[in-house]
Amino acid sequence: MVPETILEQFDAQLRPEGIVEGPGYSMVLRPPADGDVEGLVARLRDRPGYVEWKYYAHDGQELAERLRAAGLEPSDEETVLVAEASSIPEAEIDVETATDSFVELAARVFDRRAELPGNSVAVVVRVDAEAVSGGRVDFEKHGMFAGLFGGVTLPEYRGRGFYRATVAKRAEIARERGYRYLYVDALPTSRPILERLGFVQVTTTTPYVPVRDPGASSSG
């Protein structure tokens, strides 16, 4: 797997132009073909709910500077990792598909409840019948990439290989559905585990979101 070649396919299949909408959010995934970054930022900021310009490092530093100038600021950088689904070994721990249990687990950890997209399958690991680790895999309608999102493990159960097992189970489901590649926007906590499984970096991504009004939370 050559990262440069994979990145071209990643861009073509997963980064449509314009504003992408979902339940409660609007997002930009690539620069506009006409070059009007500022106009697109203005339209994005007018949308209700959460808004984000998902900046990718290979789009160039000039774009990052224009996003800042247009009133957006960067959040934490994530590493985009990709692996062939067929290369991920099978899970050595029992993992089951369980949407409701995963939603409840995620709500418990993140203190907010979010229903899964319609193109998702969720998995969990249980200990004494309690869901303690889980994640979801999202299937794009077209293309070869399945995305791994929402990986979560209760703090007291970390370090036992549960996250690795959920990755393996999601890779198995992706293979069964005919998807060739898996991709993850990885934080530093999960990146080493994924790289040991064979994932490779193809780029980095950073959410750019509207600058918060510094006076919004002041009492004066």
N, C-alpha and C. Protein backbone atom coordinates (compact mmCIF):
# COMPACT_ATOMS: atom_id res chain seq x y z
N MET A 1 0.85 -1.19 0.00
CA MET A 1 0.00 0.00 0.00
C MET A 1 0.88 1.24 0.00
N VAL A 2 0.78 2.08 -1.04
CA VAL A 2 1.57 3.29 -1.16
C VAL A 2 0.74 4.46 -0.67
N PRO A 3 1.15 5.15 0.42
CA PRO A 3 0.33 6.23 0.98
C PRO A 3 -0.06 7.30 -0.03
N GLU A 4 0.86 7.68 -0.95
CA GLU A 4 0.54 8.73 -1.91
C GLU A 4 -0.62 8.31 -2.80
N THR A 5 -0.60 7.07 -3.27
CA THR A 5 -1.67 6.58 -4.12
C THR A 5 -2.98 6.48 -3.35
N ILE A 6 -2.91 5.98 -2.13
CA ILE A 6 -4.10 5.85 -1.29
C ILE A 6 -4.71 7.22 -1.02
N LEU A 7 -3.86 8.23 -0.81
CA LEU A 7 -4.35 9.57 -0.52
C LEU A 7 -5.17 10.12 -1.68
N GLU A 8 -4.74 9.86 -2.91
CA GLU A 8 -5.50 10.31 -4.08
C GLU A 8 -6.89 9.67 -4.08
N GLN A 9 -6.96 8.38 -3.79
CA GLN A 9 -8.25 7.70 -3.75
C GLN A 9 -9.10 8.20 -2.59
N PHE A 10 -8.46 8.44 -1.46
CA PHE A 10 -9.14 8.97 -0.28
C PHE A 10 -9.81 10.30 -0.61
N ASP A 11 -9.06 11.21 -1.23
CA ASP A 11 -9.61 12.52 -1.59
C ASP A 11 -10.79 12.38 -2.56
N ALA A 12 -10.62 11.52 -3.56
CA ALA A 12 -11.65 11.38 -4.59
C ALA A 12 -12.93 10.78 -4.04
N GLN A 13 -12.83 9.85 -3.09
CA GLN A 13 -14.00 9.12 -2.63
C GLN A 13 -14.64 9.68 -1.37
N LEU A 14 -13.87 10.39 -0.55
CA LEU A 14 -14.37 10.79 0.76
C LEU A 14 -14.47 12.29 0.98
N ARG A 15 -14.07 13.09 -0.02
CA ARG A 15 -14.04 14.53 0.20
C ARG A 15 -14.82 15.26 -0.90
N PRO A 16 -16.14 15.25 -0.83
CA PRO A 16 -16.94 15.98 -1.82
C PRO A 16 -16.79 17.48 -1.64
N GLU A 17 -17.08 18.23 -2.69
CA GLU A 17 -17.02 19.69 -2.62
C GLU A 17 -18.29 20.24 -1.99
N GLY A 18 -18.21 21.49 -1.58
CA GLY A 18 -19.36 22.16 -1.00
C GLY A 18 -19.53 21.86 0.48
N ILE A 19 -20.70 22.20 1.01
CA ILE A 19 -21.01 21.98 2.42
C ILE A 19 -21.75 20.66 2.56
N VAL A 20 -21.22 19.81 3.41
CA VAL A 20 -21.83 18.52 3.70
C VAL A 20 -22.65 18.65 4.98
N GLU A 21 -23.90 18.21 4.93
CA GLU A 21 -24.78 18.36 6.09
C GLU A 21 -25.10 17.01 6.71
N GLY A 22 -25.28 17.02 8.03
CA GLY A 22 -25.71 15.85 8.77
C GLY A 22 -26.62 16.29 9.89
N PRO A 23 -27.03 15.35 10.74
CA PRO A 23 -27.93 15.72 11.85
C PRO A 23 -27.23 16.65 12.85
N GLY A 24 -27.57 17.93 12.79
CA GLY A 24 -27.02 18.89 13.74
C GLY A 24 -25.67 19.47 13.38
N TYR A 25 -25.17 19.21 12.19
CA TYR A 25 -23.86 19.76 11.83
C TYR A 25 -23.78 20.07 10.34
N SER A 26 -22.84 20.96 9.99
CA SER A 26 -22.48 21.25 8.61
C SER A 26 -20.96 21.30 8.53
N MET A 27 -20.40 20.81 7.42
CA MET A 27 -18.96 20.63 7.35
C MET A 27 -18.46 20.84 5.93
N VAL A 28 -17.26 21.40 5.81
CA VAL A 28 -16.57 21.50 4.53
C VAL A 28 -15.39 20.55 4.56
N LEU A 29 -15.24 19.76 3.50
CA LEU A 29 -14.20 18.73 3.47
C LEU A 29 -13.07 19.02 2.49
N ARG A 30 -13.28 19.99 1.57
CA ARG A 30 -12.19 20.33 0.65
C ARG A 30 -12.37 21.75 0.15
N PRO A 31 -11.28 22.39 -0.29
CA PRO A 31 -11.38 23.76 -0.80
C PRO A 31 -12.26 23.81 -2.04
N PRO A 32 -12.96 24.93 -2.25
CA PRO A 32 -13.84 25.04 -3.41
C PRO A 32 -13.04 25.14 -4.70
N ALA A 33 -13.60 24.60 -5.77
CA ALA A 33 -12.92 24.62 -7.07
C ALA A 33 -12.72 26.04 -7.58
N ASP A 34 -13.63 26.97 -7.21
CA ASP A 34 -13.51 28.34 -7.69
C ASP A 34 -12.55 29.19 -6.85
N GLY A 35 -12.00 28.60 -5.77
CA GLY A 35 -11.03 29.31 -4.95
C GLY A 35 -11.61 30.28 -3.95
N ASP A 36 -12.94 30.40 -3.89
CA ASP A 36 -13.57 31.36 -2.98
C ASP A 36 -13.70 30.77 -1.58
N VAL A 37 -12.59 30.66 -0.89
CA VAL A 37 -12.57 30.11 0.46
C VAL A 37 -13.38 30.97 1.41
N GLU A 38 -13.20 32.28 1.32
CA GLU A 38 -13.86 33.19 2.25
C GLU A 38 -15.38 33.14 2.08
N GLY A 39 -15.84 33.06 0.84
CA GLY A 39 -17.28 32.97 0.61
C GLY A 39 -17.87 31.70 1.17
N LEU A 40 -17.13 30.60 1.04
CA LEU A 40 -17.61 29.32 1.56
C LEU A 40 -17.61 29.32 3.09
N VAL A 41 -16.61 29.95 3.69
CA VAL A 41 -16.59 30.08 5.15
C VAL A 41 -17.80 30.88 5.62
N ALA A 42 -18.13 31.96 4.92
CA ALA A 42 -19.29 32.78 5.31
C ALA A 42 -20.58 31.97 5.24
N ARG A 43 -20.73 31.17 4.19
CA ARG A 43 -21.94 30.35 4.07
C ARG A 43 -21.97 29.27 5.15
N LEU A 44 -20.81 28.74 5.47
CA LEU A 44 -20.73 27.72 6.52
C LEU A 44 -21.14 28.30 7.87
N ARG A 45 -20.65 29.50 8.17
CA ARG A 45 -20.93 30.11 9.48
C ARG A 45 -22.39 30.48 9.64
N ASP A 46 -23.11 30.63 8.54
CA ASP A 46 -24.54 30.95 8.61
C ASP A 46 -25.41 29.73 8.92
N ARG A 47 -24.81 28.54 8.87
CA ARG A 47 -25.58 27.32 9.11
C ARG A 47 -25.84 27.14 10.61
N PRO A 48 -27.00 26.58 10.96
CA PRO A 48 -27.28 26.30 12.38
C PRO A 48 -26.50 25.08 12.87
N GLY A 49 -26.39 24.94 14.18
CA GLY A 49 -25.73 23.78 14.75
C GLY A 49 -24.22 23.87 14.68
N TYR A 50 -23.58 22.74 14.85
CA TYR A 50 -22.11 22.68 14.83
C TYR A 50 -21.61 22.84 13.40
N VAL A 51 -20.60 23.69 13.21
CA VAL A 51 -20.01 23.87 11.89
C VAL A 51 -18.50 23.70 11.98
N GLU A 52 -17.92 23.16 10.91
CA GLU A 52 -16.48 22.86 10.91
C GLU A 52 -15.96 22.82 9.48
N TRP A 53 -14.78 23.38 9.29
CA TRP A 53 -14.02 23.18 8.05
C TRP A 53 -12.96 22.14 8.38
N LYS A 54 -13.04 20.98 7.77
CA LYS A 54 -12.11 19.90 8.07
C LYS A 54 -10.88 20.07 7.18
N TYR A 55 -9.87 20.70 7.72
CA TYR A 55 -8.66 21.02 6.98
C TYR A 55 -7.71 19.82 6.97
N TYR A 56 -7.18 19.52 5.79
CA TYR A 56 -6.19 18.46 5.64
C TYR A 56 -4.84 19.08 5.30
N ALA A 57 -3.77 18.58 5.91
CA ALA A 57 -2.46 19.20 5.78
C ALA A 57 -1.99 19.27 4.34
N HIS A 58 -2.34 18.27 3.52
CA HIS A 58 -1.85 18.29 2.14
C HIS A 58 -2.59 19.30 1.26
N ASP A 59 -3.58 20.02 1.83
CA ASP A 59 -4.20 21.12 1.10
C ASP A 59 -3.34 22.38 1.14
N GLY A 60 -2.32 22.39 1.99
CA GLY A 60 -1.36 23.48 1.99
C GLY A 60 -1.56 24.49 3.09
N GLN A 61 -0.44 25.09 3.51
CA GLN A 61 -0.45 26.06 4.59
C GLN A 61 -1.21 27.33 4.22
N GLU A 62 -1.21 27.70 2.95
CA GLU A 62 -1.94 28.90 2.54
C GLU A 62 -3.42 28.81 2.90
N LEU A 63 -4.02 27.62 2.70
CA LEU A 63 -5.42 27.45 3.05
C LEU A 63 -5.62 27.64 4.55
N ALA A 64 -4.74 27.10 5.36
CA ALA A 64 -4.86 27.26 6.81
C ALA A 64 -4.83 28.73 7.20
N GLU A 65 -3.96 29.50 6.56
CA GLU A 65 -3.86 30.92 6.86
C GLU A 65 -5.13 31.66 6.44
N ARG A 66 -5.71 31.27 5.31
CA ARG A 66 -6.95 31.92 4.86
C ARG A 66 -8.11 31.57 5.78
N LEU A 67 -8.15 30.35 6.29
CA LEU A 67 -9.20 29.98 7.23
C LEU A 67 -9.12 30.80 8.51
N ARG A 68 -7.90 31.01 9.00
CA ARG A 68 -7.71 31.84 10.19
C ARG A 68 -8.17 33.28 9.92
N ALA A 69 -7.76 33.80 8.77
CA ALA A 69 -8.12 35.17 8.43
C ALA A 69 -9.63 35.34 8.27
N ALA A 70 -10.32 34.27 7.91
CA ALA A 70 -11.76 34.32 7.73
C ALA A 70 -12.53 34.10 9.03
N GLY A 71 -11.81 33.95 10.14
CA GLY A 71 -12.47 33.86 11.43
C GLY A 71 -12.64 32.47 11.99
N LEU A 72 -11.86 31.52 11.48
CA LEU A 72 -11.90 30.17 12.03
C LEU A 72 -10.60 29.90 12.80
N GLU A 73 -10.67 29.01 13.77
CA GLU A 73 -9.49 28.66 14.55
C GLU A 73 -9.36 27.15 14.64
N PRO A 74 -8.10 26.64 14.71
CA PRO A 74 -7.89 25.20 14.71
C PRO A 74 -8.15 24.56 16.07
N SER A 75 -8.67 23.34 16.04
CA SER A 75 -8.76 22.49 17.23
C SER A 75 -7.62 21.48 17.18
N ASP A 76 -7.74 20.38 17.88
CA ASP A 76 -6.64 19.42 17.97
C ASP A 76 -6.43 18.68 16.65
N GLU A 77 -5.18 18.56 16.26
CA GLU A 77 -4.83 17.83 15.04
C GLU A 77 -5.00 16.32 15.24
N GLU A 78 -5.48 15.65 14.20
CA GLU A 78 -5.60 14.20 14.21
C GLU A 78 -4.81 13.63 13.03
N THR A 79 -4.37 12.39 13.17
CA THR A 79 -3.62 11.74 12.11
C THR A 79 -4.54 10.81 11.34
N VAL A 80 -4.58 10.97 10.02
CA VAL A 80 -5.40 10.11 9.18
C VAL A 80 -4.60 8.85 8.85
N LEU A 81 -5.08 7.72 9.35
CA LEU A 81 -4.43 6.43 9.15
C LEU A 81 -5.30 5.55 8.28
N VAL A 82 -4.66 4.75 7.43
CA VAL A 82 -5.37 3.85 6.53
C VAL A 82 -4.73 2.47 6.58
N ALA A 83 -5.54 1.42 6.47
CA ALA A 83 -5.05 0.05 6.38
C ALA A 83 -5.95 -0.76 5.47
N GLU A 84 -5.42 -1.80 4.90
CA GLU A 84 -6.26 -2.73 4.15
C GLU A 84 -7.02 -3.59 5.15
N ALA A 85 -8.31 -3.70 4.96
CA ALA A 85 -9.14 -4.46 5.90
C ALA A 85 -8.68 -5.91 6.00
N SER A 86 -8.18 -6.46 4.91
CA SER A 86 -7.76 -7.86 4.90
C SER A 86 -6.50 -8.10 5.73
N SER A 87 -5.78 -7.01 6.08
CA SER A 87 -4.52 -7.17 6.82
C SER A 87 -4.72 -7.21 8.33
N ILE A 88 -5.91 -6.91 8.81
CA ILE A 88 -6.16 -6.83 10.25
C ILE A 88 -6.50 -8.22 10.78
N PRO A 89 -5.73 -8.75 11.73
CA PRO A 89 -6.03 -10.09 12.26
C PRO A 89 -7.35 -10.12 13.01
N GLU A 90 -7.93 -11.31 13.11
CA GLU A 90 -9.21 -11.46 13.80
C GLU A 90 -9.08 -11.17 15.28
N ALA A 91 -10.18 -10.76 15.88
CA ALA A 91 -10.19 -10.43 17.30
C ALA A 91 -9.96 -11.68 18.15
N GLU A 92 -9.17 -11.52 19.21
CA GLU A 92 -8.93 -12.61 20.15
C GLU A 92 -9.82 -12.50 21.37
N ILE A 93 -10.66 -11.49 21.40
CA ILE A 93 -11.62 -11.26 22.49
C ILE A 93 -13.00 -11.21 21.87
N ASP A 94 -14.00 -11.71 22.59
CA ASP A 94 -15.36 -11.69 22.07
C ASP A 94 -15.86 -10.26 21.89
N VAL A 95 -16.32 -9.95 20.70
CA VAL A 95 -16.88 -8.64 20.38
C VAL A 95 -18.21 -8.87 19.67
N GLU A 96 -19.23 -8.11 20.03
CA GLU A 96 -20.54 -8.30 19.42
C GLU A 96 -21.07 -6.99 18.85
N THR A 97 -21.94 -7.10 17.86
CA THR A 97 -22.62 -5.92 17.34
C THR A 97 -23.76 -5.57 18.30
N ALA A 98 -23.85 -4.30 18.67
CA ALA A 98 -24.86 -3.89 19.66
C ALA A 98 -25.00 -2.38 19.62
N THR A 99 -25.92 -1.89 18.83
CA THR A 99 -26.08 -0.45 18.66
C THR A 99 -26.49 0.24 19.96
N ASP A 100 -27.54 -0.24 20.61
CA ASP A 100 -28.04 0.44 21.81
C ASP A 100 -26.99 0.47 22.92
N SER A 101 -26.29 -0.64 23.11
CA SER A 101 -25.28 -0.69 24.16
C SER A 101 -24.13 0.27 23.88
N PHE A 102 -23.75 0.40 22.60
CA PHE A 102 -22.68 1.33 22.25
C PHE A 102 -23.12 2.77 22.47
N VAL A 103 -24.34 3.11 22.07
CA VAL A 103 -24.84 4.46 22.26
C VAL A 103 -24.85 4.82 23.74
N GLU A 104 -25.29 3.89 24.59
CA GLU A 104 -25.32 4.14 26.03
C GLU A 104 -23.91 4.28 26.59
N LEU A 105 -22.98 3.45 26.12
CA LEU A 105 -21.59 3.54 26.58
C LEU A 105 -20.97 4.87 26.20
N ALA A 106 -21.15 5.28 24.96
CA ALA A 106 -20.60 6.56 24.51
C ALA A 106 -21.20 7.72 25.28
N ALA A 107 -22.50 7.68 25.55
CA ALA A 107 -23.15 8.73 26.32
C ALA A 107 -22.58 8.80 27.73
N ARG A 108 -22.28 7.65 28.28
CA ARG A 108 -21.72 7.59 29.64
C ARG A 108 -20.33 8.23 29.69
N VAL A 109 -19.53 8.00 28.66
CA VAL A 109 -18.16 8.51 28.66
C VAL A 109 -18.11 9.98 28.26
N PHE A 110 -18.86 10.36 27.23
CA PHE A 110 -18.78 11.72 26.70
C PHE A 110 -19.83 12.66 27.29
N ASP A 111 -20.71 12.14 28.14
CA ASP A 111 -21.73 12.93 28.81
C ASP A 111 -22.69 13.59 27.83
N ARG A 112 -22.90 12.96 26.71
CA ARG A 112 -23.91 13.41 25.75
C ARG A 112 -24.32 12.22 24.90
N ARG A 113 -25.58 12.22 24.54
CA ARG A 113 -26.12 11.09 23.77
C ARG A 113 -26.26 11.47 22.31
N ALA A 114 -25.77 10.62 21.42
CA ALA A 114 -25.87 10.85 19.98
C ALA A 114 -26.24 9.54 19.29
N GLU A 115 -27.29 9.59 18.51
CA GLU A 115 -27.69 8.40 17.76
C GLU A 115 -26.73 8.16 16.61
N LEU A 116 -26.64 6.92 16.17
CA LEU A 116 -25.71 6.57 15.11
C LEU A 116 -26.25 6.96 13.74
N PRO A 117 -25.35 7.31 12.81
CA PRO A 117 -25.78 7.51 11.43
C PRO A 117 -26.37 6.22 10.86
N GLY A 118 -27.18 6.35 9.85
CA GLY A 118 -27.84 5.18 9.27
C GLY A 118 -26.89 4.22 8.58
N ASN A 119 -25.67 4.69 8.26
CA ASN A 119 -24.71 3.83 7.56
C ASN A 119 -23.69 3.21 8.51
N SER A 120 -24.01 3.17 9.81
CA SER A 120 -23.06 2.69 10.82
C SER A 120 -23.44 1.34 11.39
N VAL A 121 -22.42 0.60 11.81
CA VAL A 121 -22.59 -0.61 12.61
C VAL A 121 -21.72 -0.44 13.85
N ALA A 122 -22.30 -0.68 15.03
CA ALA A 122 -21.57 -0.50 16.28
C ALA A 122 -21.26 -1.85 16.91
N VAL A 123 -20.12 -1.91 17.61
CA VAL A 123 -19.70 -3.14 18.29
C VAL A 123 -19.29 -2.80 19.72
N VAL A 124 -19.39 -3.80 20.60
CA VAL A 124 -18.97 -3.61 21.99
C VAL A 124 -18.28 -4.87 22.51
N VAL A 125 -17.45 -4.64 23.52
CA VAL A 125 -16.89 -5.72 24.34
C VAL A 125 -17.58 -5.66 25.69
N ARG A 126 -17.99 -6.81 26.21
CA ARG A 126 -18.67 -6.85 27.50
C ARG A 126 -17.80 -7.55 28.54
N VAL A 127 -17.92 -7.07 29.75
CA VAL A 127 -17.34 -7.74 30.92
C VAL A 127 -18.46 -7.91 31.93
N ASP A 128 -18.77 -9.14 32.29
CA ASP A 128 -19.89 -9.43 33.19
C ASP A 128 -21.18 -8.77 32.69
N ALA A 129 -21.41 -8.90 31.39
CA ALA A 129 -22.61 -8.42 30.70
C ALA A 129 -22.65 -6.91 30.52
N GLU A 130 -21.67 -6.18 31.02
CA GLU A 130 -21.63 -4.72 30.88
C GLU A 130 -20.76 -4.34 29.69
N ALA A 131 -21.27 -3.45 28.83
CA ALA A 131 -20.47 -2.94 27.71
C ALA A 131 -19.41 -1.99 28.26
N VAL A 132 -18.13 -2.32 28.05
CA VAL A 132 -17.04 -1.52 28.61
C VAL A 132 -16.15 -0.91 27.53
N SER A 133 -16.29 -1.36 26.30
CA SER A 133 -15.49 -0.82 25.20
C SER A 133 -16.30 -0.96 23.92
N GLY A 134 -16.09 -0.05 22.97
CA GLY A 134 -16.85 -0.16 21.74
C GLY A 134 -16.37 0.82 20.68
N GLY A 135 -17.02 0.76 19.55
CA GLY A 135 -16.72 1.66 18.44
C GLY A 135 -17.69 1.40 17.32
N ARG A 136 -17.64 2.24 16.31
CA ARG A 136 -18.54 2.06 15.18
C ARG A 136 -17.74 2.07 13.89
N VAL A 137 -18.32 1.48 12.85
CA VAL A 137 -17.74 1.53 11.51
C VAL A 137 -18.80 2.10 10.58
N ASP A 138 -18.41 3.13 9.83
CA ASP A 138 -19.32 3.81 8.91
C ASP A 138 -19.01 3.37 7.48
N PHE A 139 -20.05 3.05 6.73
CA PHE A 139 -19.87 2.56 5.37
C PHE A 139 -20.34 3.61 4.38
N GLU A 140 -19.40 4.09 3.57
CA GLU A 140 -19.74 5.04 2.52
C GLU A 140 -20.53 4.31 1.43
N LYS A 141 -21.45 5.03 0.81
CA LYS A 141 -22.30 4.40 -0.22
C LYS A 141 -21.48 4.00 -1.45
N HIS A 142 -20.46 4.78 -1.75
CA HIS A 142 -19.66 4.51 -2.93
C HIS A 142 -18.18 4.49 -2.54
N GLY A 143 -17.41 3.66 -3.19
CA GLY A 143 -15.98 3.63 -2.93
C GLY A 143 -15.55 2.42 -2.13
N MET A 144 -14.30 2.48 -1.68
CA MET A 144 -13.65 1.33 -1.05
C MET A 144 -13.32 1.54 0.41
N PHE A 145 -13.69 2.70 1.00
CA PHE A 145 -13.27 3.05 2.35
C PHE A 145 -14.40 2.92 3.36
N ALA A 146 -14.09 2.30 4.48
CA ALA A 146 -14.98 2.27 5.64
C ALA A 146 -14.28 3.01 6.77
N GLY A 147 -15.00 3.87 7.47
CA GLY A 147 -14.39 4.69 8.52
C GLY A 147 -14.64 4.14 9.91
N LEU A 148 -13.61 4.14 10.74
CA LEU A 148 -13.72 3.72 12.13
C LEU A 148 -13.82 4.96 13.00
N PHE A 149 -14.91 5.04 13.78
CA PHE A 149 -15.16 6.22 14.60
C PHE A 149 -15.66 5.79 15.99
N GLY A 150 -15.59 6.75 16.92
CA GLY A 150 -16.24 6.57 18.21
C GLY A 150 -15.60 5.54 19.12
N GLY A 151 -14.33 5.23 18.92
CA GLY A 151 -13.69 4.25 19.80
C GLY A 151 -13.65 4.74 21.24
N VAL A 152 -14.15 3.93 22.16
CA VAL A 152 -14.24 4.35 23.55
C VAL A 152 -14.10 3.13 24.46
N THR A 153 -13.36 3.31 25.56
CA THR A 153 -13.22 2.27 26.57
C THR A 153 -13.30 2.93 27.95
N LEU A 154 -14.06 2.34 28.86
CA LEU A 154 -14.12 2.88 30.21
C LEU A 154 -12.73 2.90 30.82
N PRO A 155 -12.37 3.95 31.54
CA PRO A 155 -10.99 4.10 32.05
C PRO A 155 -10.47 2.88 32.81
N GLU A 156 -11.31 2.28 33.62
CA GLU A 156 -10.86 1.16 34.44
C GLU A 156 -10.62 -0.12 33.64
N TYR A 157 -11.00 -0.12 32.35
CA TYR A 157 -10.82 -1.31 31.52
C TYR A 157 -9.80 -1.10 30.40
N ARG A 158 -9.09 0.01 30.43
CA ARG A 158 -8.09 0.27 29.41
C ARG A 158 -6.84 -0.57 29.64
N GLY A 159 -6.09 -0.79 28.57
CA GLY A 159 -4.86 -1.57 28.66
C GLY A 159 -5.07 -3.07 28.60
N ARG A 160 -6.27 -3.53 28.23
CA ARG A 160 -6.56 -4.96 28.16
C ARG A 160 -6.77 -5.46 26.73
N GLY A 161 -6.51 -4.62 25.76
CA GLY A 161 -6.66 -5.04 24.38
C GLY A 161 -8.07 -4.94 23.83
N PHE A 162 -8.97 -4.28 24.56
CA PHE A 162 -10.36 -4.21 24.12
C PHE A 162 -10.51 -3.33 22.88
N TYR A 163 -9.83 -2.18 22.87
CA TYR A 163 -9.93 -1.31 21.69
C TYR A 163 -9.40 -2.04 20.45
N ARG A 164 -8.28 -2.70 20.58
CA ARG A 164 -7.72 -3.47 19.47
C ARG A 164 -8.73 -4.50 18.96
N ALA A 165 -9.44 -5.13 19.89
CA ALA A 165 -10.43 -6.14 19.50
C ALA A 165 -11.59 -5.53 18.74
N THR A 166 -12.01 -4.32 19.15
CA THR A 166 -13.11 -3.68 18.42
C THR A 166 -12.69 -3.28 17.02
N VAL A 167 -11.43 -2.89 16.85
CA VAL A 167 -10.91 -2.58 15.52
C VAL A 167 -10.95 -3.83 14.65
N ALA A 168 -10.51 -4.95 15.21
CA ALA A 168 -10.49 -6.20 14.46
C ALA A 168 -11.89 -6.63 14.04
N LYS A 169 -12.86 -6.47 14.94
CA LYS A 169 -14.23 -6.86 14.62
C LYS A 169 -14.80 -5.96 13.53
N ARG A 170 -14.52 -4.67 13.60
CA ARG A 170 -15.02 -3.75 12.58
C ARG A 170 -14.36 -4.01 11.24
N ALA A 171 -13.09 -4.40 11.26
CA ALA A 171 -12.42 -4.77 10.01
C ALA A 171 -13.07 -6.00 9.39
N GLU A 172 -13.44 -6.95 10.24
CA GLU A 172 -14.13 -8.16 9.76
C GLU A 172 -15.45 -7.81 9.09
N ILE A 173 -16.22 -6.92 9.72
CA ILE A 173 -17.50 -6.52 9.15
C ILE A 173 -17.29 -5.80 7.82
N ALA A 174 -16.26 -4.96 7.75
CA ALA A 174 -15.97 -4.24 6.51
C ALA A 174 -15.60 -5.21 5.39
N ARG A 175 -14.79 -6.21 5.71
CA ARG A 175 -14.41 -7.20 4.70
C ARG A 175 -15.64 -7.93 4.18
N GLU A 176 -16.52 -8.30 5.10
CA GLU A 176 -17.73 -9.02 4.70
C GLU A 176 -18.60 -8.19 3.77
N ARG A 177 -18.53 -6.88 3.89
CA ARG A 177 -19.35 -6.00 3.05
C ARG A 177 -18.62 -5.56 1.79
N GLY A 178 -17.41 -6.05 1.59
CA GLY A 178 -16.70 -5.78 0.36
C GLY A 178 -15.86 -4.51 0.35
N TYR A 179 -15.60 -3.93 1.52
CA TYR A 179 -14.77 -2.73 1.58
C TYR A 179 -13.30 -3.12 1.69
N ARG A 180 -12.47 -2.43 0.94
CA ARG A 180 -11.05 -2.79 0.90
C ARG A 180 -10.24 -2.10 1.99
N TYR A 181 -10.55 -0.82 2.25
CA TYR A 181 -9.73 -0.03 3.16
C TYR A 181 -10.50 0.42 4.39
N LEU A 182 -9.75 0.62 5.48
CA LEU A 182 -10.25 1.23 6.70
C LEU A 182 -9.51 2.54 6.89
N TYR A 183 -10.21 3.57 7.39
CA TYR A 183 -9.50 4.81 7.73
C TYR A 183 -9.95 5.29 9.10
N VAL A 184 -9.05 5.99 9.77
CA VAL A 184 -9.30 6.49 11.12
C VAL A 184 -8.69 7.88 11.24
N ASP A 185 -9.42 8.81 11.84
CA ASP A 185 -8.84 10.08 12.28
C ASP A 185 -8.37 9.86 13.71
N ALA A 186 -7.08 9.57 13.86
CA ALA A 186 -6.58 9.06 15.14
C ALA A 186 -6.00 10.15 16.03
N LEU A 187 -6.37 10.10 17.29
CA LEU A 187 -5.75 10.91 18.33
C LEU A 187 -4.48 10.21 18.82
N PRO A 188 -3.61 10.92 19.54
CA PRO A 188 -2.37 10.30 20.01
C PRO A 188 -2.58 9.05 20.87
N THR A 189 -3.73 8.94 21.53
CA THR A 189 -3.97 7.79 22.39
C THR A 189 -4.17 6.50 21.60
N SER A 190 -4.81 6.60 20.44
CA SER A 190 -5.10 5.40 19.65
C SER A 190 -4.11 5.15 18.53
N ARG A 191 -3.37 6.17 18.13
CA ARG A 191 -2.47 6.02 16.98
C ARG A 191 -1.46 4.88 17.15
N PRO A 192 -0.76 4.76 18.30
CA PRO A 192 0.22 3.67 18.41
C PRO A 192 -0.41 2.28 18.27
N ILE A 193 -1.60 2.10 18.81
CA ILE A 193 -2.28 0.80 18.71
C ILE A 193 -2.58 0.48 17.25
N LEU A 194 -3.09 1.47 16.54
CA LEU A 194 -3.46 1.28 15.14
C LEU A 194 -2.22 1.02 14.27
N GLU A 195 -1.15 1.72 14.55
CA GLU A 195 0.07 1.52 13.75
C GLU A 195 0.65 0.12 13.98
N ARG A 196 0.51 -0.38 15.19
CA ARG A 196 0.97 -1.76 15.44
C ARG A 196 0.12 -2.78 14.68
N LEU A 197 -1.11 -2.40 14.37
CA LEU A 197 -1.99 -3.28 13.60
C LEU A 197 -1.74 -3.18 12.10
N GLY A 198 -0.91 -2.21 11.68
CA GLY A 198 -0.58 -2.07 10.27
C GLY A 198 -1.12 -0.83 9.59
N PHE A 199 -1.80 0.04 10.33
CA PHE A 199 -2.26 1.29 9.73
C PHE A 199 -1.08 2.20 9.43
N VAL A 200 -1.18 2.96 8.34
CA VAL A 200 -0.12 3.90 7.96
C VAL A 200 -0.71 5.30 7.81
N GLN A 201 0.12 6.29 8.09
CA GLN A 201 -0.32 7.68 7.98
C GLN A 201 -0.35 8.10 6.52
N VAL A 202 -1.45 8.79 6.13
CA VAL A 202 -1.51 9.35 4.78
C VAL A 202 -1.55 10.88 4.81
N THR A 203 -2.02 11.46 5.92
CA THR A 203 -2.03 12.91 6.07
C THR A 203 -2.44 13.21 7.51
N THR A 204 -2.65 14.48 7.82
CA THR A 204 -3.25 14.87 9.10
C THR A 204 -4.46 15.75 8.81
N THR A 205 -5.34 15.85 9.79
CA THR A 205 -6.53 16.68 9.63
C THR A 205 -6.78 17.47 10.91
N THR A 206 -7.27 18.69 10.74
CA THR A 206 -7.52 19.58 11.87
C THR A 206 -8.87 20.26 11.69
N PRO A 207 -9.76 20.18 12.68
CA PRO A 207 -11.02 20.92 12.58
C PRO A 207 -10.78 22.41 12.75
N TYR A 208 -11.28 23.20 11.84
CA TYR A 208 -11.29 24.66 11.99
C TYR A 208 -12.73 25.08 12.26
N VAL A 209 -12.92 25.75 13.38
CA VAL A 209 -14.26 26.13 13.83
C VAL A 209 -14.31 27.63 14.08
N PRO A 210 -15.51 28.22 14.09
CA PRO A 210 -15.60 29.67 14.32
C PRO A 210 -14.97 30.08 15.64
N VAL A 211 -14.24 31.19 15.58
CA VAL A 211 -13.63 31.74 16.80
C VAL A 211 -14.74 32.16 17.76
N ARG A 212 -14.63 31.73 19.00
CA ARG A 212 -15.64 32.10 19.98
C ARG A 212 -15.46 33.55 20.41
N ASP A 213 -16.57 34.22 20.63
CA ASP A 213 -16.54 35.62 21.09
C ASP A 213 -15.93 35.66 22.48
N PRO A 214 -14.75 36.30 22.64
CA PRO A 214 -14.10 36.30 23.96
C PRO A 214 -14.93 36.96 25.05
N GLY A 215 -15.90 37.76 24.65
CA GLY A 215 -16.73 38.41 25.65
C GLY A 215 -18.01 37.68 25.97
N ALA A 216 -18.23 36.55 25.26
CA ALA A 216 -19.50 35.85 25.43
C ALA A 216 -19.68 35.28 26.81
N SER A 217 -18.57 34.87 27.45
CA SER A 217 -18.69 34.25 28.77
C SER A 217 -18.35 35.20 29.91
N SER A 218 -18.08 36.47 29.59
CA SER A 218 -17.73 37.41 30.65
C SER A 218 -18.99 37.89 31.37
N SER A 219 -18.84 38.30 32.60
CA SER A 219 -19.98 38.76 33.39
C SER A 219 -20.20 40.25 33.26
N GLY A 220 -19.24 40.95 32.64
CA GLY A 220 -19.36 42.39 32.56
C GLY A 220 -19.93 42.80 31.25
